[in-house]
């Protein structure tokens, strides 16, 4: 999974937390959060933790669907 790093950085800035603090909250390694902030992809386990932590409605906005060659899901619309 890749995310829109500017949105994650804005979240960190807004709440005054560091990548290490977020990693502890999510239950992953700080390097995984740094990977997201650097625009890299993380594995499925970290992706699941990220989505669980932020909730699906917020996470779907932060995921960089275009960078992964996917369309934004139309969950609950139709």
N, C-alpha and C. Protein backbone atom coordinates (compact mmCIF):
# COMPACT_ATOMS: atom_id res chain seq x y z
N UNK A 1 0.84 -1.17 0.00
CA UNK A 1 0.00 0.00 0.00
C UNK A 1 0.89 1.23 0.00
N UNK A 2 0.46 2.22 -0.75
CA UNK A 2 1.10 3.53 -0.74
C UNK A 2 0.06 4.55 -0.30
N UNK A 3 0.53 5.60 0.32
CA UNK A 3 -0.40 6.64 0.76
C UNK A 3 0.02 7.98 0.18
N UNK A 4 -0.88 8.92 0.28
CA UNK A 4 -0.56 10.30 -0.10
C UNK A 4 0.19 10.91 1.08
N UNK A 5 1.50 10.92 0.94
CA UNK A 5 2.37 11.26 2.06
C UNK A 5 2.09 12.63 2.65
N UNK A 6 1.63 13.56 1.82
CA UNK A 6 1.34 14.90 2.35
C UNK A 6 0.18 14.88 3.34
N UNK A 7 -0.76 13.96 3.14
CA UNK A 7 -1.90 13.85 4.07
C UNK A 7 -1.46 13.23 5.39
N UNK A 8 -0.57 12.24 5.32
CA UNK A 8 -0.07 11.65 6.56
C UNK A 8 0.77 12.67 7.32
N UNK A 9 1.61 13.42 6.60
CA UNK A 9 2.43 14.42 7.26
C UNK A 9 1.56 15.51 7.89
N UNK A 10 0.49 15.89 7.21
CA UNK A 10 -0.43 16.89 7.76
C UNK A 10 -1.07 16.38 9.05
N UNK A 11 -1.42 15.10 9.09
CA UNK A 11 -1.99 14.49 10.30
C UNK A 11 -0.98 14.57 11.44
N UNK A 12 0.26 14.16 11.16
CA UNK A 12 1.30 14.19 12.20
C UNK A 12 1.50 15.61 12.71
N UNK A 13 1.56 16.55 11.79
CA UNK A 13 1.76 17.96 12.18
C UNK A 13 0.59 18.49 13.00
N UNK A 14 -0.62 18.17 12.56
CA UNK A 14 -1.82 18.67 13.23
C UNK A 14 -1.87 18.23 14.69
N UNK A 15 -1.51 16.98 14.93
CA UNK A 15 -1.61 16.44 16.28
C UNK A 15 -0.28 16.44 17.03
N UNK A 16 0.76 16.96 16.41
CA UNK A 16 2.06 17.08 17.06
C UNK A 16 2.67 15.76 17.47
N UNK A 17 2.53 14.76 16.60
CA UNK A 17 3.13 13.47 16.91
C UNK A 17 4.21 13.13 15.89
N UNK A 18 5.09 12.24 16.29
CA UNK A 18 6.20 11.84 15.42
C UNK A 18 5.87 10.51 14.75
N UNK A 19 6.69 10.16 13.78
CA UNK A 19 6.54 8.87 13.11
C UNK A 19 6.68 7.73 14.12
N UNK A 20 7.62 7.89 15.07
CA UNK A 20 7.82 6.85 16.09
C UNK A 20 6.59 6.69 16.97
N UNK A 21 5.96 7.80 17.33
CA UNK A 21 4.76 7.74 18.16
C UNK A 21 3.62 7.05 17.40
N UNK A 22 3.46 7.40 16.14
CA UNK A 22 2.41 6.77 15.32
C UNK A 22 2.69 5.28 15.17
N UNK A 23 3.94 4.93 14.96
CA UNK A 23 4.31 3.52 14.82
C UNK A 23 3.91 2.73 16.07
N UNK A 24 4.17 3.30 17.24
CA UNK A 24 3.78 2.64 18.49
C UNK A 24 2.27 2.48 18.58
N UNK A 25 1.54 3.53 18.22
CA UNK A 25 0.07 3.49 18.26
C UNK A 25 -0.48 2.42 17.32
N UNK A 26 0.09 2.35 16.13
CA UNK A 26 -0.38 1.39 15.13
C UNK A 26 0.09 -0.02 15.45
N UNK A 27 1.24 -0.12 16.10
CA UNK A 27 1.79 -1.44 16.41
C UNK A 27 2.72 -1.93 15.33
N UNK A 28 3.49 -1.02 14.75
CA UNK A 28 4.44 -1.38 13.71
C UNK A 28 5.78 -0.71 13.98
N UNK A 29 6.72 -0.96 13.13
CA UNK A 29 8.05 -0.40 13.26
C UNK A 29 8.09 1.02 12.70
N UNK A 30 8.89 1.87 13.31
CA UNK A 30 9.01 3.26 12.84
C UNK A 30 9.45 3.31 11.38
N UNK A 31 10.25 2.34 10.95
CA UNK A 31 10.71 2.33 9.55
C UNK A 31 9.54 2.19 8.58
N UNK A 32 8.50 1.50 8.99
CA UNK A 32 7.33 1.36 8.13
C UNK A 32 6.62 2.71 7.94
N UNK A 33 6.49 3.47 9.01
CA UNK A 33 5.87 4.79 8.91
C UNK A 33 6.76 5.71 8.09
N UNK A 34 8.06 5.63 8.30
CA UNK A 34 8.98 6.46 7.52
C UNK A 34 8.90 6.09 6.04
N UNK A 35 8.73 4.82 5.74
CA UNK A 35 8.58 4.36 4.36
C UNK A 35 7.36 5.03 3.73
N UNK A 36 6.25 5.10 4.46
CA UNK A 36 5.06 5.76 3.95
C UNK A 36 5.32 7.25 3.72
N UNK A 37 6.00 7.89 4.68
CA UNK A 37 6.30 9.31 4.56
C UNK A 37 7.26 9.62 3.41
N UNK A 38 8.06 8.63 3.04
CA UNK A 38 9.00 8.79 1.93
C UNK A 38 8.37 8.42 0.59
N UNK A 39 7.10 8.02 0.61
CA UNK A 39 6.39 7.68 -0.63
C UNK A 39 6.53 6.23 -1.05
N UNK A 40 7.07 5.40 -0.17
CA UNK A 40 7.24 3.99 -0.49
C UNK A 40 6.03 3.16 -0.14
N UNK A 41 6.08 1.91 -0.54
CA UNK A 41 4.99 0.97 -0.27
C UNK A 41 5.32 0.14 0.96
N UNK A 42 4.28 -0.23 1.70
CA UNK A 42 4.43 -1.10 2.86
C UNK A 42 3.67 -2.40 2.60
N UNK A 43 3.98 -3.41 3.41
CA UNK A 43 3.37 -4.73 3.22
C UNK A 43 1.92 -4.76 3.70
N UNK A 44 1.29 -5.88 3.45
CA UNK A 44 -0.13 -6.02 3.79
C UNK A 44 -0.40 -5.90 5.29
N UNK A 45 0.48 -6.44 6.11
CA UNK A 45 0.28 -6.38 7.56
C UNK A 45 0.25 -4.93 8.04
N UNK A 46 1.20 -4.13 7.56
CA UNK A 46 1.23 -2.72 7.95
C UNK A 46 0.03 -1.99 7.36
N UNK A 47 -0.34 -2.31 6.14
CA UNK A 47 -1.50 -1.68 5.51
C UNK A 47 -2.76 -1.93 6.34
N UNK A 48 -2.93 -3.14 6.79
CA UNK A 48 -4.10 -3.48 7.61
C UNK A 48 -4.12 -2.69 8.92
N UNK A 49 -2.96 -2.59 9.55
CA UNK A 49 -2.86 -1.82 10.80
C UNK A 49 -3.17 -0.35 10.56
N UNK A 50 -2.67 0.19 9.46
CA UNK A 50 -2.92 1.58 9.09
C UNK A 50 -4.42 1.82 8.91
N UNK A 51 -5.06 0.96 8.15
CA UNK A 51 -6.50 1.10 7.88
C UNK A 51 -7.30 0.93 9.17
N UNK A 52 -6.93 -0.02 10.01
CA UNK A 52 -7.63 -0.22 11.28
C UNK A 52 -7.48 1.01 12.17
N UNK A 53 -6.28 1.56 12.24
CA UNK A 53 -6.02 2.72 13.10
C UNK A 53 -6.82 3.93 12.65
N UNK A 54 -6.78 4.25 11.36
CA UNK A 54 -7.46 5.44 10.86
C UNK A 54 -8.93 5.22 10.57
N UNK A 55 -9.34 3.99 10.42
CA UNK A 55 -10.71 3.69 10.02
C UNK A 55 -10.80 3.75 8.50
N UNK A 56 -11.65 2.94 7.95
CA UNK A 56 -11.75 2.83 6.50
C UNK A 56 -12.11 4.15 5.82
N UNK A 57 -13.02 4.92 6.41
CA UNK A 57 -13.46 6.17 5.79
C UNK A 57 -12.32 7.18 5.65
N UNK A 58 -11.44 7.24 6.63
CA UNK A 58 -10.29 8.16 6.55
C UNK A 58 -9.15 7.56 5.75
N UNK A 59 -8.90 6.28 5.94
CA UNK A 59 -7.80 5.63 5.24
C UNK A 59 -7.99 5.68 3.73
N UNK A 60 -9.22 5.50 3.27
CA UNK A 60 -9.47 5.50 1.82
C UNK A 60 -9.08 6.84 1.20
N UNK A 61 -9.17 7.92 1.96
CA UNK A 61 -8.78 9.24 1.47
C UNK A 61 -7.26 9.40 1.42
N UNK A 62 -6.56 8.69 2.30
CA UNK A 62 -5.10 8.83 2.40
C UNK A 62 -4.35 7.88 1.46
N UNK A 63 -4.98 6.80 1.07
CA UNK A 63 -4.32 5.83 0.18
C UNK A 63 -4.12 6.46 -1.20
N UNK A 64 -2.94 6.28 -1.75
CA UNK A 64 -2.61 6.81 -3.07
C UNK A 64 -2.97 5.75 -4.12
N UNK A 65 -4.23 5.75 -4.49
CA UNK A 65 -4.75 4.75 -5.41
C UNK A 65 -4.07 4.83 -6.76
N UNK A 66 -3.84 6.03 -7.27
CA UNK A 66 -3.22 6.20 -8.58
C UNK A 66 -1.81 5.61 -8.60
N UNK A 67 -1.05 5.82 -7.54
CA UNK A 67 0.32 5.31 -7.47
C UNK A 67 0.35 3.78 -7.49
N UNK A 68 -0.76 3.18 -7.07
CA UNK A 68 -0.84 1.72 -7.07
C UNK A 68 -1.56 1.19 -8.31
N UNK A 69 -1.96 2.11 -9.21
CA UNK A 69 -2.64 1.69 -10.43
C UNK A 69 -4.05 1.19 -10.20
N UNK A 70 -4.71 1.71 -9.17
CA UNK A 70 -6.07 1.27 -8.81
C UNK A 70 -7.03 2.45 -8.82
N UNK A 71 -8.31 2.15 -8.92
CA UNK A 71 -9.34 3.17 -8.79
C UNK A 71 -9.82 3.21 -7.35
N UNK A 72 -10.28 4.38 -6.93
CA UNK A 72 -10.84 4.51 -5.58
C UNK A 72 -12.11 3.67 -5.53
N UNK A 73 -12.22 2.81 -4.53
CA UNK A 73 -13.44 1.97 -4.42
C UNK A 73 -14.69 2.81 -4.20
N UNK A 74 -15.80 2.39 -4.77
CA UNK A 74 -17.09 3.04 -4.58
C UNK A 74 -17.89 2.30 -3.52
N UNK A 75 -17.31 2.11 -2.39
CA UNK A 75 -17.96 1.36 -1.31
C UNK A 75 -19.13 2.18 -0.76
N UNK A 76 -20.29 1.58 -0.73
CA UNK A 76 -21.46 2.22 -0.15
C UNK A 76 -22.12 3.26 -1.04
N UNK A 77 -21.70 3.34 -2.29
CA UNK A 77 -22.31 4.30 -3.21
C UNK A 77 -22.96 3.53 -4.34
N UNK A 78 -24.12 4.01 -4.75
CA UNK A 78 -24.72 3.33 -5.88
C UNK A 78 -26.16 3.21 -5.86
